[in-house]
Amino acid sequence: MKITIAKQEFQQKLSDIQSVVEKKSTMPILSHFLLKASKNGSTITATDLETAIREPVEAEVAGEGSLCIPARKLFEIVREIDGNITIETEDSQWIRVKAGQSSFRIACLPAEDYPLWPDLGSSEQIELAASDLALMIEKTVYSAGESDTRYTLNGILFHLDPAHQDLTVVGTDGHRMAVISMPLPGAPTEEKKLIVQRKAASELEKFLAGAEKAKIFLGKNHILFQVGDVEFLTRLIEGSYPSYNQVIPSGNEKKVVLGRDVFIKALRRVSIMSRERSHAIRLDAGEGLVTLNSSNPDLGEARDEVPAQYSGEPLSLGFNARYLIDALGAMDSENVVFELQDPLSPTLLRPDGDLAYRCVIMPMRI
């Protein structure tokens, strides 16, 4: 194998796979990527056995071949050298990397040892704008669990509903939930609920930026996203996701309308004095005003006020300030709406005028 690649092209492609490549693994092959050089088109592939990325690389191929190359080490080399890069195999275990006066000899592994690209089997296909898919992930992934013992909560739900011809994406960790729905003409004929790992969804966002369309292939155990020339495949989480529609409150009669930016700033100020583990603050809703309070016996107290549209009975609720800030940060409307019932009932938070995006946050005892 002998190929020549432009530095910028190779550096970008190697950067794309760094988060998928296993850095500490009992399988050394997973710290490598598979380079396939062919005059009909060259590709690089990386996997951690849960997620796999395959994308083309523009290269001048003088000799065809395949080899597994240490991903992190080659990325560090490419980042530091200048000019076009030539990669040439010395035998089945070594490659020579050259650029200008720089030369490196790197130990490699055989291509036949690399994990096979998973077979989707019979799969259905849907297509939507890449910007829409990126938006739906951005507005839900922050609510998904991290290392939760309830494994299904460590992912986001893709719910394809043929009855309503829409796609709903949901993230929840059991304390908060974010839900967004969009029309999806050409939805599958059968209802599908697929749980995509949180890490994989976050990685997918990088490839969606600037792309026009995203094709999604729905397999039994895997889901494949094709974004431009990039193929992004991930193993689905098995299990049942919580019934999100039953969690969304529909009878909350008290409504508080607040300016989003003003409210976020007040939350950040008051949360400075909250307890580090719980981030607990108290919201007191009164006539035309919401008061924010926090206290920490070891530090002191904080209080702030923001104007609000509210004319109901006074109401006090406790919240994790970080949950509120995360949800508000995913909204882009000028005003936000709190729909409340009582101090311990689920609270609905949504952008003013937007019914497609909803956040549910469980209050805390105060």
Protein backbone atom coordinates (compact mmCIF):
# COMPACT_ATOMS: atom_id res chain seq x y z
CA MET A 1 0.00 0.00 0.00
CA LYS A 2 1.21 3.48 -0.88
CA ILE A 3 -0.96 6.61 -0.72
CA THR A 4 -0.53 10.39 -0.55
CA ILE A 5 -3.03 12.56 1.35
CA ALA A 6 -3.29 16.30 1.94
CA LYS A 7 -2.56 17.20 5.59
CA GLN A 8 -5.78 19.18 6.15
CA GLU A 9 -7.94 16.41 4.67
CA PHE A 10 -6.31 13.68 6.76
CA GLN A 11 -6.23 15.71 9.97
CA GLN A 12 -9.97 16.41 9.71
CA LYS A 13 -10.87 12.77 9.07
CA LEU A 14 -8.68 11.54 11.92
CA SER A 15 -10.17 14.18 14.22
CA ASP A 16 -13.68 12.90 13.40
CA ILE A 17 -12.95 9.42 14.74
CA GLN A 18 -11.00 10.23 17.92
CA SER A 19 -13.99 10.08 20.25
CA VAL A 20 -15.10 6.70 18.89
CA VAL A 21 -11.69 5.03 19.07
CA GLU A 22 -11.17 3.18 22.35
CA LYS A 23 -8.29 4.69 24.32
CA LYS A 24 -8.25 2.12 27.14
CA SER A 25 -9.42 -1.25 25.94
CA THR A 26 -8.65 -4.87 26.53
CA MET A 27 -8.80 -5.20 22.73
CA PRO A 28 -5.81 -3.34 21.24
CA ILE A 29 -7.41 -3.42 17.78
CA LEU A 30 -10.07 -0.94 18.98
CA SER A 31 -7.43 1.75 19.49
CA HIS A 32 -6.73 1.47 15.74
CA PHE A 33 -8.66 2.55 12.68
CA LEU A 34 -8.94 0.61 9.45
CA LEU A 35 -7.49 2.33 6.38
CA LYS A 36 -8.60 0.87 3.06
CA ALA A 37 -6.73 2.32 0.08
CA SER A 38 -8.22 1.71 -3.34
CA LYS A 39 -8.07 3.48 -6.67
CA ASN A 40 -11.87 3.24 -6.69
CA GLY A 41 -12.08 5.15 -3.39
CA SER A 42 -10.34 5.03 -0.02
CA THR A 43 -12.04 4.93 3.39
CA ILE A 44 -11.25 5.03 7.09
CA THR A 45 -13.32 3.10 9.63
CA ALA A 46 -13.32 3.34 13.43
CA THR A 47 -15.39 1.50 16.04
CA ASP A 48 -15.68 0.82 19.77
CA LEU A 49 -18.05 -2.11 19.06
CA GLU A 50 -21.04 0.05 20.03
CA THR A 51 -20.60 2.82 17.46
CA ALA A 52 -18.85 2.78 14.10
CA ILE A 53 -17.90 5.55 11.67
CA ARG A 54 -16.90 5.05 8.06
CA GLU A 55 -16.02 7.93 5.79
CA PRO A 56 -14.16 8.42 2.52
CA VAL A 57 -10.74 10.04 2.35
CA GLU A 58 -9.37 11.82 -0.72
CA ALA A 59 -6.04 10.18 -1.51
CA GLU A 60 -3.72 9.59 -4.41
CA VAL A 61 -3.31 5.81 -4.44
CA ALA A 62 -0.10 4.42 -5.94
CA GLY A 63 -0.58 1.00 -4.33
CA GLU A 64 -3.78 -0.51 -2.92
CA GLY A 65 -4.09 -2.23 0.43
CA SER A 66 -5.63 -2.25 3.93
CA LEU A 67 -4.12 -1.93 7.39
CA CYS A 68 -5.08 -1.08 10.99
CA ILE A 69 -3.20 2.00 12.22
CA PRO A 70 -3.01 3.43 15.79
CA ALA A 71 -5.57 6.25 15.62
CA ARG A 72 -4.39 8.55 18.39
CA LYS A 73 -0.70 8.34 17.55
CA LEU A 74 -1.17 8.99 13.84
CA PHE A 75 -3.48 11.92 14.61
CA GLU A 76 -0.78 13.47 16.83
CA ILE A 77 1.78 13.01 14.06
CA VAL A 78 -0.43 14.47 11.31
CA ARG A 79 -1.29 17.46 13.49
CA GLU A 80 2.39 18.39 13.88
CA ILE A 81 3.83 17.77 10.41
CA ASP A 82 3.52 20.00 7.34
CA GLY A 83 2.75 19.33 3.71
CA ASN A 84 1.28 16.31 1.96
CA ILE A 85 1.56 12.99 3.78
CA THR A 86 2.74 9.75 2.23
CA ILE A 87 1.90 6.42 3.87
CA GLU A 88 3.62 3.30 2.65
CA THR A 89 3.63 -0.21 4.05
CA GLU A 90 6.96 -1.86 4.78
CA ASP A 91 5.29 -5.22 5.49
CA SER A 92 2.09 -6.42 7.19
CA GLN A 93 3.16 -4.95 10.55
CA TRP A 94 4.80 -1.60 9.79
CA ILE A 95 4.10 1.57 7.85
CA ARG A 96 6.34 4.51 7.00
CA VAL A 97 4.77 7.97 7.27
CA LYS A 98 6.58 10.81 5.50
CA ALA A 99 5.96 14.54 5.12
CA GLY A 100 8.73 16.91 3.99
CA GLN A 101 11.83 15.99 5.96
CA SER A 102 9.83 14.19 8.66
CA SER A 103 9.66 10.41 8.72
CA PHE A 104 7.93 8.02 11.14
CA ARG A 105 7.80 4.23 11.38
CA ILE A 106 4.64 2.93 13.06
CA ALA A 107 3.67 -0.57 14.15
CA CYS A 108 0.29 -1.70 12.78
CA LEU A 109 -2.14 -4.61 12.95
CA PRO A 110 -3.57 -6.78 10.13
CA ALA A 111 -6.75 -5.54 8.43
CA GLU A 112 -8.39 -8.97 8.71
CA ASP A 113 -8.38 -8.64 12.53
CA TYR A 114 -10.58 -5.54 12.47
CA PRO A 115 -14.22 -6.00 13.61
CA LEU A 116 -16.65 -6.46 10.74
CA TRP A 117 -19.08 -3.66 9.90
CA PRO A 118 -22.42 -4.80 11.42
CA ASP A 119 -25.07 -6.06 9.03
CA LEU A 120 -28.36 -4.15 9.38
CA GLY A 121 -30.31 -6.97 7.76
CA SER A 122 -33.66 -5.88 6.36
CA SER A 123 -34.04 -2.20 7.20
CA GLU A 124 -36.50 0.61 6.54
CA GLN A 125 -35.30 4.03 5.47
CA ILE A 126 -36.43 7.55 6.29
CA GLU A 127 -34.98 10.90 5.28
CA LEU A 128 -35.12 14.34 6.87
CA ALA A 129 -33.21 17.61 6.88
CA ALA A 130 -29.90 17.28 8.72
CA SER A 131 -30.59 20.59 10.52
CA ASP A 132 -33.89 19.22 11.86
CA LEU A 133 -32.25 16.06 13.17
CA ALA A 134 -29.44 18.09 14.77
CA LEU A 135 -32.01 20.37 16.42
CA MET A 136 -33.98 17.45 17.86
CA ILE A 137 -30.85 15.88 19.33
CA GLU A 138 -29.61 19.18 20.75
CA LYS A 139 -32.91 19.84 22.51
CA THR A 140 -33.16 16.42 24.16
CA VAL A 141 -29.75 14.81 24.67
CA TYR A 142 -28.88 16.93 27.73
CA SER A 143 -31.83 15.35 29.60
CA ALA A 144 -30.71 11.76 29.02
CA GLY A 145 -29.14 9.82 31.86
CA GLU A 146 -25.43 9.28 32.31
CA SER A 147 -24.32 5.91 33.72
CA ASP A 148 -27.85 5.34 35.03
CA THR A 149 -28.54 1.86 36.39
CA ARG A 150 -31.77 1.97 34.36
CA TYR A 151 -29.85 1.43 31.17
CA THR A 152 -32.57 2.58 28.77
CA LEU A 153 -32.37 6.08 30.29
CA ASN A 154 -28.77 6.39 29.04
CA GLY A 155 -30.11 7.02 25.55
CA ILE A 156 -32.64 9.14 23.70
CA LEU A 157 -35.81 7.70 22.22
CA PHE A 158 -36.65 8.00 18.52
CA HIS A 159 -40.39 7.40 18.24
CA LEU A 160 -41.66 7.09 14.66
CA ASP A 161 -45.43 7.31 14.65
CA PRO A 162 -47.16 6.47 11.33
CA ALA A 163 -50.56 7.47 12.75
CA HIS A 164 -49.49 11.09 13.21
CA GLN A 165 -46.79 11.04 10.50
CA ASP A 166 -44.23 12.48 12.88
CA LEU A 167 -40.94 11.80 14.64
CA THR A 168 -40.67 12.43 18.37
CA VAL A 169 -37.32 12.46 20.15
CA VAL A 170 -37.24 12.16 23.95
CA GLY A 171 -34.53 12.36 26.61
CA THR A 172 -35.05 11.70 30.32
CA ASP A 173 -33.05 10.75 33.41
CA GLY A 174 -36.09 10.20 35.61
CA HIS A 175 -35.92 13.68 37.17
CA ARG A 176 -36.44 15.73 34.01
CA MET A 177 -37.56 15.12 30.46
CA ALA A 178 -37.29 16.91 27.11
CA VAL A 179 -39.62 16.09 24.21
CA ILE A 180 -39.70 17.47 20.67
CA SER A 181 -41.84 16.41 17.71
CA MET A 182 -41.61 17.18 14.00
CA PRO A 183 -43.69 16.14 10.99
CA LEU A 184 -42.16 13.21 9.10
CA PRO A 185 -43.79 12.51 5.73
CA GLY A 186 -42.94 8.98 4.66
CA ALA A 187 -42.78 7.56 8.20
CA PRO A 188 -42.60 3.75 8.40
CA THR A 189 -45.88 1.88 8.11
CA GLU A 190 -45.29 0.33 11.54
CA GLU A 191 -44.70 2.27 14.76
CA LYS A 192 -41.07 2.12 15.87
CA LYS A 193 -39.41 3.06 19.16
CA LEU A 194 -35.61 3.05 18.97
CA ILE A 195 -33.28 4.00 21.83
CA VAL A 196 -30.01 5.59 20.66
CA GLN A 197 -27.10 5.87 23.10
CA ARG A 198 -26.49 9.34 24.47
CA LYS A 199 -22.80 9.33 23.50
CA ALA A 200 -23.60 8.25 19.95
CA ALA A 201 -26.26 10.95 19.55
CA SER A 202 -23.81 13.62 20.72
CA GLU A 203 -21.17 12.37 18.27
CA LEU A 204 -23.67 12.34 15.42
CA GLU A 205 -24.34 16.06 15.93
CA LYS A 206 -20.82 16.89 14.67
CA PHE A 207 -21.49 15.32 11.28
CA LEU A 208 -24.91 16.93 10.87
CA ALA A 209 -23.52 20.48 11.05
CA GLY A 210 -23.56 22.01 7.58
CA ALA A 211 -25.09 18.94 5.91
CA GLU A 212 -28.33 19.11 3.92
CA LYS A 213 -29.97 15.70 4.31
CA ALA A 214 -29.73 12.78 6.70
CA LYS A 215 -30.81 9.31 5.67
CA ILE A 216 -31.68 6.94 8.51
CA PHE A 217 -31.70 3.17 8.07
CA LEU A 218 -33.64 1.36 10.78
CA GLY A 219 -32.31 -2.10 11.60
CA LYS A 220 -33.32 -4.56 14.30
CA ASN A 221 -30.28 -4.06 16.54
CA HIS A 222 -28.56 -1.07 14.90
CA ILE A 223 -29.42 2.28 13.36
CA LEU A 224 -27.40 3.80 10.53
CA PHE A 225 -27.24 7.52 9.81
CA GLN A 226 -25.91 8.49 6.40
CA VAL A 227 -24.90 12.14 6.33
CA GLY A 228 -23.30 13.11 3.03
CA ASP A 229 -20.47 10.62 2.50
CA VAL A 230 -20.24 9.71 6.19
CA GLU A 231 -21.82 6.53 7.56
CA PHE A 232 -22.52 6.60 11.29
CA LEU A 233 -23.79 3.35 12.78
CA THR A 234 -24.63 2.60 16.38
CA ARG A 235 -26.05 -0.30 18.36
CA LEU A 236 -29.52 0.36 19.77
CA ILE A 237 -30.19 0.07 23.50
CA GLU A 238 -32.50 -2.85 24.22
CA GLY A 239 -35.42 -2.46 26.58
CA SER A 240 -38.56 -0.43 27.11
CA TYR A 241 -38.41 3.35 27.34
CA PRO A 242 -40.70 5.12 29.84
CA SER A 243 -44.12 6.09 28.46
CA TYR A 244 -43.32 9.77 27.99
CA ASN A 245 -46.85 10.86 27.10
CA GLN A 246 -48.08 9.79 30.54
CA VAL A 247 -45.42 11.96 32.20
CA ILE A 248 -46.30 15.20 30.40
CA PRO A 249 -48.79 17.07 32.62
CA SER A 250 -51.93 18.23 30.83
CA GLY A 251 -53.95 19.74 33.66
CA ASN A 252 -51.54 22.33 35.06
CA GLU A 253 -53.74 25.42 35.46
CA LYS A 254 -51.25 27.98 36.80
CA LYS A 255 -49.12 29.67 34.13
CA VAL A 256 -46.08 31.88 34.67
CA VAL A 257 -44.50 33.70 31.71
CA LEU A 258 -40.92 34.90 32.12
CA GLY A 259 -38.27 36.52 29.96
CA ARG A 260 -35.84 33.72 29.09
CA ASP A 261 -32.53 35.63 29.24
CA VAL A 262 -33.40 37.52 32.43
CA PHE A 263 -34.49 34.32 34.12
CA ILE A 264 -31.33 32.39 33.14
CA LYS A 265 -29.11 35.15 34.52
CA ALA A 266 -31.04 35.24 37.81
CA LEU A 267 -30.83 31.43 38.12
CA ARG A 268 -27.07 31.50 37.61
CA ARG A 269 -26.61 34.20 40.22
CA VAL A 270 -28.77 32.58 42.87
CA SER A 271 -27.42 29.06 42.26
CA ILE A 272 -23.94 30.26 43.26
CA MET A 273 -25.05 29.99 46.89
CA SER A 274 -26.96 26.71 46.53
CA ARG A 275 -25.74 23.38 47.83
CA GLU A 276 -23.23 21.88 45.40
CA ARG A 277 -24.83 18.44 45.14
CA SER A 278 -28.50 19.38 44.86
CA HIS A 279 -28.24 22.88 43.27
CA ALA A 280 -31.52 23.51 45.10
CA ILE A 281 -33.29 26.85 44.77
CA ARG A 282 -36.78 28.04 45.71
CA LEU A 283 -39.08 29.90 43.32
CA ASP A 284 -41.87 32.00 44.83
CA ALA A 285 -44.45 33.02 42.22
CA GLY A 286 -46.53 36.03 43.15
CA GLU A 287 -48.46 38.81 41.48
CA GLY A 288 -46.30 39.96 38.54
CA LEU A 289 -43.11 38.68 40.12
CA VAL A 290 -41.01 35.54 40.69
CA THR A 291 -38.55 35.54 43.57
CA LEU A 292 -35.57 33.19 43.58
CA ASN A 293 -33.91 32.07 46.81
CA SER A 294 -31.07 29.75 47.73
CA SER A 295 -29.25 28.98 50.95
CA ASN A 296 -26.29 26.97 52.14
CA PRO A 297 -25.59 26.74 55.89
CA ASP A 298 -21.84 26.76 55.22
CA LEU A 299 -21.87 29.73 52.84
CA GLY A 300 -24.90 31.95 53.19
CA GLU A 301 -27.93 32.95 51.12
CA ALA A 302 -28.91 34.56 47.82
CA ARG A 303 -32.08 36.24 46.61
CA ASP A 304 -33.14 37.72 43.29
CA GLU A 305 -36.32 38.83 41.53
CA VAL A 306 -37.53 38.73 37.94
CA PRO A 307 -40.71 40.26 36.52
CA ALA A 308 -43.33 37.72 35.42
CA GLN A 309 -46.82 37.47 33.99
CA TYR A 310 -48.69 35.70 36.78
CA SER A 311 -51.91 36.53 38.58
CA GLY A 312 -52.78 33.33 40.47
CA GLU A 313 -52.45 32.34 44.11
CA PRO A 314 -48.91 32.61 45.55
CA LEU A 315 -46.98 29.40 44.97
CA SER A 316 -43.58 28.16 46.15
CA LEU A 317 -41.62 25.35 44.48
CA GLY A 318 -38.13 23.92 44.81
CA PHE A 319 -36.02 23.03 41.76
CA ASN A 320 -32.58 21.86 40.78
CA ALA A 321 -31.25 25.10 39.23
CA ARG A 322 -29.04 23.19 36.80
CA TYR A 323 -32.06 21.39 35.35
CA LEU A 324 -33.79 24.71 34.73
CA ILE A 325 -30.70 26.30 33.17
CA ASP A 326 -30.17 23.29 30.87
CA ALA A 327 -33.77 23.38 29.66
CA LEU A 328 -33.82 27.14 29.15
CA GLY A 329 -30.51 26.94 27.30
CA ALA A 330 -32.12 24.62 24.75
CA MET A 331 -34.85 27.18 24.03
CA ASP A 332 -34.51 30.21 21.77
CA SER A 333 -37.77 32.07 22.34
CA GLU A 334 -37.85 35.49 23.99
CA ASN A 335 -40.26 34.29 26.68
CA VAL A 336 -40.79 30.92 28.37
CA VAL A 337 -43.89 29.48 30.03
CA PHE A 338 -44.07 27.55 33.30
CA GLU A 339 -47.25 25.47 33.68
CA LEU A 340 -47.66 24.61 37.37
CA GLN A 341 -50.13 22.76 39.57
CA ASP A 342 -48.79 22.30 43.10
CA PRO A 343 -45.37 22.18 44.80
CA LEU A 344 -44.77 18.46 44.16
CA SER A 345 -46.46 17.90 40.78
CA PRO A 346 -44.47 17.74 37.51
CA THR A 347 -43.84 21.17 36.04
CA LEU A 348 -44.10 21.80 32.29
CA LEU A 349 -41.64 24.31 30.84
CA ARG A 350 -41.87 25.33 27.19
CA PRO A 351 -40.99 28.17 24.82
CA ASP A 352 -43.80 30.73 24.55
CA GLY A 353 -45.75 30.05 21.36
CA ASP A 354 -44.06 26.69 20.63
CA LEU A 355 -46.02 23.55 21.46
CA ALA A 356 -43.64 21.15 19.66
CA TYR A 357 -40.94 21.38 22.35
CA ARG A 358 -41.75 20.58 25.97
CA CYS A 359 -39.67 20.04 29.08
CA VAL A 360 -40.93 18.36 32.24
CA ILE A 361 -39.07 18.94 35.51
CA MET A 362 -39.87 17.31 38.83
CA PRO A 363 -39.87 19.82 41.72
CA MET A 364 -37.83 19.22 44.89
CA ARG A 365 -39.08 19.23 48.47
CA ILE A 366 -38.07 22.50 50.14
